[in-house]
Structures are given as C-alpha cells and as structure tokens.
C-alpha cells in the first residue's frame, strides 16, 4: 500500500509505515506505534491533511509524535482509501483522544490573583508554605 506525490511518499510494508520527504526527512515506525490515522478535509480546493499520531510506550514517560502531511486535492481520494484501510484492516483508530482533551481550557485573567483554582499537589503545598514562612520571617 503506497501514497506518493511530488514532495512526499507514504508506504506500508512488513507491518511498518515509512513516511518520506525526499531530501528532507524519513520516519519509519512499526504500525503498532501508530495510535491514530486521520484524514481531515482542508478548504474548498479539495485538498486534505493526513494526521498520524505515534506513541513510544517502551519509555517511562511515553512520548507522542504527531505528523501532519498536506495532501494535494488530486491525492485526497487515495489518502482516504489508505486511512480507511489502516483503520479497518489494522485497527488503527481515526482519532486518539488524550485525557487532556476532556478538560476545558480557560484563559488566565490578567488582572486577578484569583485565577489559581486547581488543587495543588503536596510538593506545591510544601513550597508555598516554605515561601510564606520565609516572607513572614523577613517582615518581622
């Protein structure tokens, strides 16, 4: 299974994905590291964007690598077939939702000290107590 156009090539072989930008970069990854493959439609010209997420779960803190590839309109159908094939044949989800995506993001108010609303962890509480104790000692 392959996709290619002027400045990009994507191949699947032996349970590996290879993403190649000739003269620039190559990414090879085992398919089981791919946690999502999504095709997003982009604008009225018919172009799209392939979005892959790869996770390295062998590390103590697994990293997440997100690759976004612009797909010319003339290759959007092929990219659609490729992502559906990955999803259907290999069980790669369309979108891997991170726990952080469930949280509501809020803008920090510029003129307010009351913006800290989340509970602090034990290390933060200890630091806060230490700082306030030193401030109290300095003012005495």
N, C-alpha and C. Protein backbone atom coordinates (compact mmCIF):
# COMPACT_ATOMS: atom_id res chain seq x y z
N UNK A 1 0.86 -1.17 0.00
CA UNK A 1 0.00 0.00 0.00
C UNK A 1 0.91 1.23 0.00
N UNK A 2 0.70 2.15 -0.93
CA UNK A 2 1.53 3.34 -1.07
C UNK A 2 0.70 4.57 -1.40
N UNK A 3 1.27 5.70 -1.05
CA UNK A 3 0.78 7.01 -1.49
C UNK A 3 2.02 7.80 -1.87
N UNK A 4 1.94 8.58 -2.92
CA UNK A 4 3.09 9.46 -3.20
C UNK A 4 2.66 10.61 -4.10
N UNK A 5 3.35 11.72 -3.91
CA UNK A 5 3.24 12.88 -4.76
C UNK A 5 4.58 13.56 -4.74
N UNK A 6 4.68 14.74 -5.34
CA UNK A 6 5.97 15.38 -5.61
C UNK A 6 6.93 15.39 -4.42
N UNK A 7 6.46 15.81 -3.26
CA UNK A 7 7.38 16.00 -2.14
C UNK A 7 7.10 15.08 -0.94
N UNK A 8 6.40 13.96 -1.19
CA UNK A 8 6.07 13.07 -0.08
C UNK A 8 5.79 11.66 -0.60
N UNK A 9 6.16 10.67 0.23
CA UNK A 9 5.85 9.28 -0.07
C UNK A 9 5.51 8.56 1.23
N UNK A 10 4.42 7.80 1.21
CA UNK A 10 4.00 7.01 2.37
C UNK A 10 3.86 5.57 1.90
N UNK A 11 4.56 4.65 2.58
CA UNK A 11 4.46 3.24 2.22
C UNK A 11 4.20 2.39 3.45
N UNK A 12 3.51 1.29 3.21
CA UNK A 12 3.30 0.29 4.25
C UNK A 12 3.91 -1.00 3.73
N UNK A 13 4.79 -1.58 4.54
CA UNK A 13 5.40 -2.85 4.17
C UNK A 13 5.88 -3.55 5.43
N UNK A 14 5.60 -4.84 5.54
CA UNK A 14 6.06 -5.66 6.67
C UNK A 14 5.67 -5.06 8.02
N UNK A 15 4.44 -4.62 8.14
CA UNK A 15 3.89 -4.06 9.38
C UNK A 15 4.63 -2.78 9.82
N UNK A 16 5.18 -2.04 8.86
CA UNK A 16 5.88 -0.79 9.12
C UNK A 16 5.34 0.30 8.21
N UNK A 17 5.26 1.50 8.76
CA UNK A 17 4.94 2.68 7.96
C UNK A 17 6.22 3.44 7.73
N UNK A 18 6.39 3.92 6.50
CA UNK A 18 7.53 4.77 6.19
C UNK A 18 7.00 6.03 5.54
N UNK A 19 7.29 7.16 6.18
CA UNK A 19 6.90 8.46 5.66
C UNK A 19 8.18 9.14 5.20
N UNK A 20 8.23 9.53 3.93
CA UNK A 20 9.46 10.09 3.35
C UNK A 20 9.17 11.44 2.72
N UNK A 21 9.97 12.41 3.10
CA UNK A 21 10.00 13.71 2.45
C UNK A 21 11.36 13.76 1.76
N UNK A 22 11.45 13.45 0.45
CA UNK A 22 12.75 13.32 -0.23
C UNK A 22 13.64 14.54 -0.02
N UNK A 23 14.88 14.27 0.34
CA UNK A 23 15.85 15.33 0.56
C UNK A 23 15.68 16.05 1.89
N UNK A 24 14.71 15.61 2.70
CA UNK A 24 14.46 16.31 3.95
C UNK A 24 14.43 15.37 5.15
N UNK A 25 13.52 14.38 5.13
CA UNK A 25 13.36 13.56 6.32
C UNK A 25 12.72 12.21 5.99
N UNK A 26 12.98 11.24 6.87
CA UNK A 26 12.36 9.92 6.78
C UNK A 26 11.92 9.51 8.17
N UNK A 27 10.70 9.00 8.27
CA UNK A 27 10.21 8.46 9.54
C UNK A 27 9.76 7.03 9.28
N UNK A 28 10.34 6.10 10.01
CA UNK A 28 9.91 4.70 9.95
C UNK A 28 9.35 4.34 11.31
N UNK A 29 8.20 3.67 11.30
CA UNK A 29 7.58 3.30 12.57
C UNK A 29 6.83 1.99 12.42
N UNK A 30 6.94 1.15 13.45
CA UNK A 30 6.13 -0.06 13.49
C UNK A 30 4.67 0.37 13.57
N UNK A 31 3.80 -0.36 12.89
CA UNK A 31 2.39 0.02 12.85
C UNK A 31 1.76 0.01 14.24
N UNK A 32 2.24 -0.84 15.14
CA UNK A 32 1.64 -0.86 16.47
C UNK A 32 1.97 0.38 17.29
N UNK A 33 2.89 1.22 16.82
CA UNK A 33 3.17 2.51 17.46
C UNK A 33 2.22 3.60 16.99
N UNK A 34 1.49 3.34 15.90
CA UNK A 34 0.54 4.32 15.35
C UNK A 34 -0.75 4.25 16.14
N UNK A 35 -1.04 5.29 16.90
CA UNK A 35 -2.25 5.28 17.74
C UNK A 35 -3.44 5.96 17.06
N UNK A 36 -3.18 6.64 15.94
CA UNK A 36 -4.30 7.17 15.16
C UNK A 36 -3.84 7.60 13.78
N UNK A 37 -4.77 7.52 12.84
CA UNK A 37 -4.56 7.99 11.47
C UNK A 37 -5.86 8.65 11.03
N UNK A 38 -5.78 9.93 10.72
CA UNK A 38 -6.97 10.71 10.40
C UNK A 38 -6.74 11.48 9.11
N UNK A 39 -7.76 11.58 8.30
CA UNK A 39 -7.71 12.44 7.12
C UNK A 39 -8.69 13.58 7.35
N UNK A 40 -8.18 14.79 7.37
CA UNK A 40 -9.01 15.98 7.57
C UNK A 40 -9.14 16.73 6.24
N UNK A 41 -10.36 17.07 5.90
CA UNK A 41 -10.59 17.86 4.69
C UNK A 41 -10.13 19.29 4.94
N UNK A 42 -9.49 19.88 3.94
CA UNK A 42 -8.92 21.21 4.10
C UNK A 42 -9.41 22.15 3.01
N UNK A 43 -10.33 22.98 3.32
CA UNK A 43 -10.72 24.05 2.43
C UNK A 43 -11.44 23.61 1.16
N UNK A 44 -11.84 24.60 0.37
CA UNK A 44 -12.67 24.37 -0.81
C UNK A 44 -11.91 23.80 -2.01
N UNK A 45 -10.57 23.77 -1.97
CA UNK A 45 -9.82 23.29 -3.13
C UNK A 45 -9.78 21.77 -3.24
N UNK A 46 -10.32 21.06 -2.23
CA UNK A 46 -10.35 19.61 -2.26
C UNK A 46 -9.15 18.95 -1.63
N UNK A 47 -8.18 19.75 -1.20
CA UNK A 47 -7.02 19.20 -0.52
C UNK A 47 -7.39 18.67 0.86
N UNK A 48 -6.47 17.98 1.47
CA UNK A 48 -6.73 17.39 2.78
C UNK A 48 -5.44 17.41 3.60
N UNK A 49 -5.52 16.89 4.81
CA UNK A 49 -4.34 16.77 5.66
C UNK A 49 -4.40 15.41 6.36
N UNK A 50 -3.33 14.64 6.21
CA UNK A 50 -3.19 13.39 6.93
C UNK A 50 -2.58 13.70 8.29
N UNK A 51 -3.14 13.13 9.34
CA UNK A 51 -2.61 13.34 10.67
C UNK A 51 -2.37 11.97 11.30
N UNK A 52 -1.11 11.72 11.63
CA UNK A 52 -0.74 10.48 12.30
C UNK A 52 -0.25 10.80 13.70
N UNK A 53 -0.59 9.93 14.65
CA UNK A 53 -0.05 10.04 16.00
C UNK A 53 0.67 8.74 16.30
N UNK A 54 1.94 8.87 16.73
CA UNK A 54 2.75 7.72 17.11
C UNK A 54 3.12 7.86 18.57
N UNK A 55 3.07 6.75 19.31
CA UNK A 55 3.42 6.76 20.72
C UNK A 55 4.51 5.72 20.96
N UNK A 56 5.50 6.11 21.76
CA UNK A 56 6.56 5.19 22.16
C UNK A 56 6.26 4.75 23.59
N UNK A 57 5.61 3.61 23.74
CA UNK A 57 5.18 3.17 25.07
C UNK A 57 6.25 2.41 25.84
N UNK A 58 7.44 2.20 25.25
CA UNK A 58 8.51 1.48 25.94
C UNK A 58 9.28 2.37 26.91
N UNK A 59 9.04 3.62 26.88
CA UNK A 59 9.77 4.56 27.74
C UNK A 59 8.99 4.81 29.02
N UNK A 60 9.69 5.22 30.10
CA UNK A 60 8.99 5.52 31.35
C UNK A 60 7.91 6.59 31.17
N UNK A 61 8.22 7.60 30.35
CA UNK A 61 7.24 8.63 30.01
C UNK A 61 7.06 8.57 28.49
N UNK A 62 5.99 7.90 28.04
CA UNK A 62 5.84 7.73 26.59
C UNK A 62 5.61 9.06 25.89
N UNK A 63 6.35 9.26 24.82
CA UNK A 63 6.20 10.49 24.05
C UNK A 63 5.13 10.32 22.99
N UNK A 64 4.64 11.42 22.49
CA UNK A 64 3.65 11.41 21.43
C UNK A 64 4.21 12.23 20.28
N UNK A 65 4.28 11.61 19.12
CA UNK A 65 4.76 12.28 17.92
C UNK A 65 3.58 12.46 16.98
N UNK A 66 3.29 13.70 16.63
CA UNK A 66 2.18 14.00 15.73
C UNK A 66 2.76 14.48 14.41
N UNK A 67 2.35 13.82 13.33
CA UNK A 67 2.81 14.16 11.98
C UNK A 67 1.61 14.65 11.18
N UNK A 68 1.74 15.81 10.56
CA UNK A 68 0.69 16.35 9.70
C UNK A 68 1.26 16.52 8.31
N UNK A 69 0.57 15.94 7.34
CA UNK A 69 1.03 15.97 5.96
C UNK A 69 -0.06 16.58 5.09
N UNK A 70 0.25 17.66 4.40
CA UNK A 70 -0.71 18.25 3.48
C UNK A 70 -0.84 17.36 2.26
N UNK A 71 -2.08 17.09 1.86
CA UNK A 71 -2.39 16.20 0.74
C UNK A 71 -3.00 17.04 -0.37
N UNK A 72 -2.36 17.05 -1.55
CA UNK A 72 -2.95 17.78 -2.68
C UNK A 72 -4.31 17.18 -3.04
N UNK A 73 -5.18 18.01 -3.60
CA UNK A 73 -6.55 17.58 -3.93
C UNK A 73 -6.57 16.33 -4.80
N UNK A 74 -5.66 16.23 -5.74
CA UNK A 74 -5.67 15.08 -6.66
C UNK A 74 -5.30 13.76 -5.97
N UNK A 75 -4.75 13.82 -4.74
CA UNK A 75 -4.37 12.62 -4.00
C UNK A 75 -5.26 12.38 -2.77
N UNK A 76 -6.27 13.23 -2.57
CA UNK A 76 -7.12 13.11 -1.39
C UNK A 76 -7.90 11.79 -1.37
N UNK A 77 -8.38 11.33 -2.52
CA UNK A 77 -9.10 10.05 -2.56
C UNK A 77 -8.20 8.90 -2.16
N UNK A 78 -6.98 8.88 -2.67
CA UNK A 78 -6.02 7.84 -2.31
C UNK A 78 -5.69 7.87 -0.83
N UNK A 79 -5.54 9.06 -0.26
CA UNK A 79 -5.26 9.21 1.17
C UNK A 79 -6.45 8.70 1.99
N UNK A 80 -7.65 8.96 1.50
CA UNK A 80 -8.86 8.47 2.18
C UNK A 80 -8.88 6.93 2.19
N UNK A 81 -8.59 6.34 1.07
CA UNK A 81 -8.55 4.87 0.98
C UNK A 81 -7.48 4.31 1.91
N UNK A 82 -6.32 4.95 1.94
CA UNK A 82 -5.21 4.48 2.78
C UNK A 82 -5.58 4.53 4.26
N UNK A 83 -6.15 5.65 4.72
CA UNK A 83 -6.51 5.76 6.14
C UNK A 83 -7.64 4.80 6.50
N UNK A 84 -8.62 4.64 5.62
CA UNK A 84 -9.68 3.66 5.90
C UNK A 84 -9.12 2.25 5.97
N UNK A 85 -8.16 1.93 5.12
CA UNK A 85 -7.52 0.61 5.12
C UNK A 85 -6.77 0.39 6.43
N UNK A 86 -6.05 1.41 6.91
CA UNK A 86 -5.35 1.29 8.19
C UNK A 86 -6.34 1.08 9.33
N UNK A 87 -7.44 1.79 9.28
CA UNK A 87 -8.45 1.69 10.34
C UNK A 87 -9.16 0.34 10.31
N UNK A 88 -9.58 -0.08 9.14
CA UNK A 88 -10.37 -1.31 9.02
C UNK A 88 -9.49 -2.57 9.14
N UNK A 89 -8.40 -2.61 8.43
CA UNK A 89 -7.57 -3.83 8.38
C UNK A 89 -6.66 -3.98 9.58
N UNK A 90 -6.17 -2.86 10.10
CA UNK A 90 -5.17 -2.93 11.17
C UNK A 90 -5.66 -2.36 12.50
N UNK A 91 -6.89 -1.88 12.55
CA UNK A 91 -7.46 -1.40 13.81
C UNK A 91 -6.87 -0.10 14.32
N UNK A 92 -6.26 0.68 13.43
CA UNK A 92 -5.72 1.98 13.85
C UNK A 92 -6.90 2.94 13.98
N UNK A 93 -7.12 3.50 15.17
CA UNK A 93 -8.28 4.40 15.32
C UNK A 93 -8.14 5.67 14.50
N UNK A 94 -9.28 6.27 14.21
CA UNK A 94 -9.27 7.52 13.45
C UNK A 94 -8.72 8.66 14.29
N UNK A 95 -8.99 8.63 15.59
CA UNK A 95 -8.54 9.72 16.45
C UNK A 95 -8.25 9.16 17.83
N UNK A 96 -7.06 9.43 18.33
CA UNK A 96 -6.70 9.00 19.69
C UNK A 96 -6.93 10.18 20.62
N UNK A 97 -7.91 10.06 21.48
CA UNK A 97 -8.24 11.16 22.37
C UNK A 97 -7.37 11.09 23.62
N UNK A 98 -6.72 12.17 23.90
CA UNK A 98 -5.90 12.28 25.10
C UNK A 98 -6.78 12.71 26.26
N UNK A 99 -6.39 12.33 27.46
CA UNK A 99 -7.16 12.72 28.65
C UNK A 99 -7.26 14.24 28.76
N UNK A 100 -6.21 14.93 28.35
CA UNK A 100 -6.20 16.39 28.45
C UNK A 100 -7.25 17.03 27.55
N UNK A 101 -7.72 16.33 26.52
CA UNK A 101 -8.70 16.91 25.62
C UNK A 101 -10.07 17.05 26.27
N UNK A 102 -10.30 16.31 27.35
CA UNK A 102 -11.57 16.38 28.04
C UNK A 102 -11.69 17.61 28.93
N UNK A 103 -10.57 18.20 29.29
CA UNK A 103 -10.60 19.34 30.20
C UNK A 103 -10.93 20.62 29.42
N UNK A 104 -11.63 21.50 30.07
CA UNK A 104 -11.99 22.77 29.45
C UNK A 104 -10.84 23.75 29.69
N UNK A 105 -10.38 24.36 28.62
CA UNK A 105 -9.31 25.33 28.74
C UNK A 105 -9.90 26.70 29.03
N UNK A 106 -9.28 27.40 29.96
CA UNK A 106 -9.74 28.73 30.30
C UNK A 106 -8.57 29.69 30.22
N UNK A 107 -8.84 30.91 29.82
CA UNK A 107 -7.81 31.92 29.76
C UNK A 107 -7.54 32.46 31.16
N UNK A 108 -6.27 32.66 31.46
CA UNK A 108 -5.88 33.20 32.76
C UNK A 108 -6.17 34.69 32.76
N UNK A 109 -6.96 35.18 33.74
CA UNK A 109 -7.24 36.62 33.81
C UNK A 109 -5.95 37.40 34.06
N UNK A 110 -5.80 38.51 33.39
CA UNK A 110 -4.57 39.29 33.52
C UNK A 110 -4.51 40.08 34.82
N UNK A 111 -5.64 40.52 35.35
CA UNK A 111 -5.64 41.42 36.50
C UNK A 111 -6.26 40.80 37.73
N UNK A 112 -6.03 39.52 37.95
CA UNK A 112 -6.66 38.89 39.09
C UNK A 112 -5.75 37.84 39.69
N UNK A 113 -5.65 37.84 41.01
CA UNK A 113 -4.87 36.82 41.70
C UNK A 113 -5.72 35.59 41.97
N UNK A 114 -7.01 35.67 41.68
CA UNK A 114 -7.92 34.57 41.99
C UNK A 114 -7.98 33.54 40.86
N UNK A 115 -7.07 33.58 39.89
CA UNK A 115 -7.15 32.67 38.76
C UNK A 115 -6.66 31.27 39.10
N UNK A 116 -5.94 31.09 40.18
CA UNK A 116 -5.48 29.75 40.55
C UNK A 116 -6.64 29.03 41.22
N UNK A 117 -7.20 28.04 40.50
CA UNK A 117 -8.37 27.35 41.01
C UNK A 117 -8.15 25.86 41.18
N UNK A 118 -7.09 25.33 40.60
CA UNK A 118 -6.85 23.88 40.68
C UNK A 118 -6.18 23.54 41.99
N UNK A 119 -6.49 22.36 42.55
CA UNK A 119 -5.81 21.95 43.79
C UNK A 119 -4.33 21.69 43.51
N UNK A 120 -3.51 22.09 44.45
CA UNK A 120 -2.06 21.91 44.30
C UNK A 120 -1.66 20.57 44.87
N UNK A 121 -0.57 20.02 44.36
CA UNK A 121 -0.04 18.77 44.86
C UNK A 121 0.76 18.99 46.14
N UNK A 122 1.17 17.91 46.81
CA UNK A 122 1.91 18.03 48.07
C UNK A 122 3.20 18.84 47.94
N UNK A 123 3.94 18.65 46.85
CA UNK A 123 5.19 19.40 46.66
C UNK A 123 4.92 20.89 46.54
N UNK A 124 3.84 21.25 45.83
CA UNK A 124 3.50 22.66 45.68
C UNK A 124 3.05 23.26 47.01
N UNK A 125 2.27 22.50 47.76
CA UNK A 125 1.83 22.97 49.08
C UNK A 125 3.03 23.21 50.00
N UNK A 126 3.99 22.29 49.96
CA UNK A 126 5.19 22.44 50.80
C UNK A 126 5.99 23.67 50.41
N UNK A 127 6.18 23.87 49.11
CA UNK A 127 6.90 25.05 48.63
C UNK A 127 6.17 26.33 49.02
N UNK A 128 4.86 26.36 48.82
CA UNK A 128 4.06 27.53 49.16
C UNK A 128 4.20 27.85 50.66
N UNK A 129 4.10 26.83 51.50
CA UNK A 129 4.25 27.02 52.95
C UNK A 129 5.65 27.54 53.29
N UNK A 130 6.66 26.99 52.65
CA UNK A 130 8.05 27.42 52.88
C UNK A 130 8.23 28.90 52.50
N UNK A 131 7.70 29.27 51.34
CA UNK A 131 7.84 30.66 50.88
C UNK A 131 7.11 31.62 51.82
N UNK A 132 5.89 31.27 52.21
CA UNK A 132 5.14 32.15 53.12
C UNK A 132 5.83 32.26 54.48
N UNK A 133 6.42 31.19 54.96
CA UNK A 133 7.15 31.23 56.23
C UNK A 133 8.34 32.16 56.12
N UNK A 134 9.07 32.09 55.02
CA UNK A 134 10.24 32.98 54.83
C UNK A 134 9.81 34.43 54.72
N UNK A 135 8.69 34.67 54.02
CA UNK A 135 8.18 36.04 53.90
C UNK A 135 7.81 36.58 55.28
N UNK A 136 7.13 35.75 56.06
CA UNK A 136 6.74 36.17 57.43
C UNK A 136 7.96 36.45 58.28
N UNK A 137 9.02 35.64 58.15
CA UNK A 137 10.24 35.86 58.93
C UNK A 137 10.95 37.12 58.51
N UNK A 138 10.92 37.43 57.20
CA UNK A 138 11.59 38.62 56.70
C UNK A 138 10.88 39.90 57.12
N UNK A 139 9.58 39.84 57.35
CA UNK A 139 8.85 41.05 57.71
C UNK A 139 8.87 41.29 59.22
N UNK A 140 9.31 40.33 59.99
CA UNK A 140 9.35 40.52 61.46
C UNK A 140 10.55 41.29 61.89
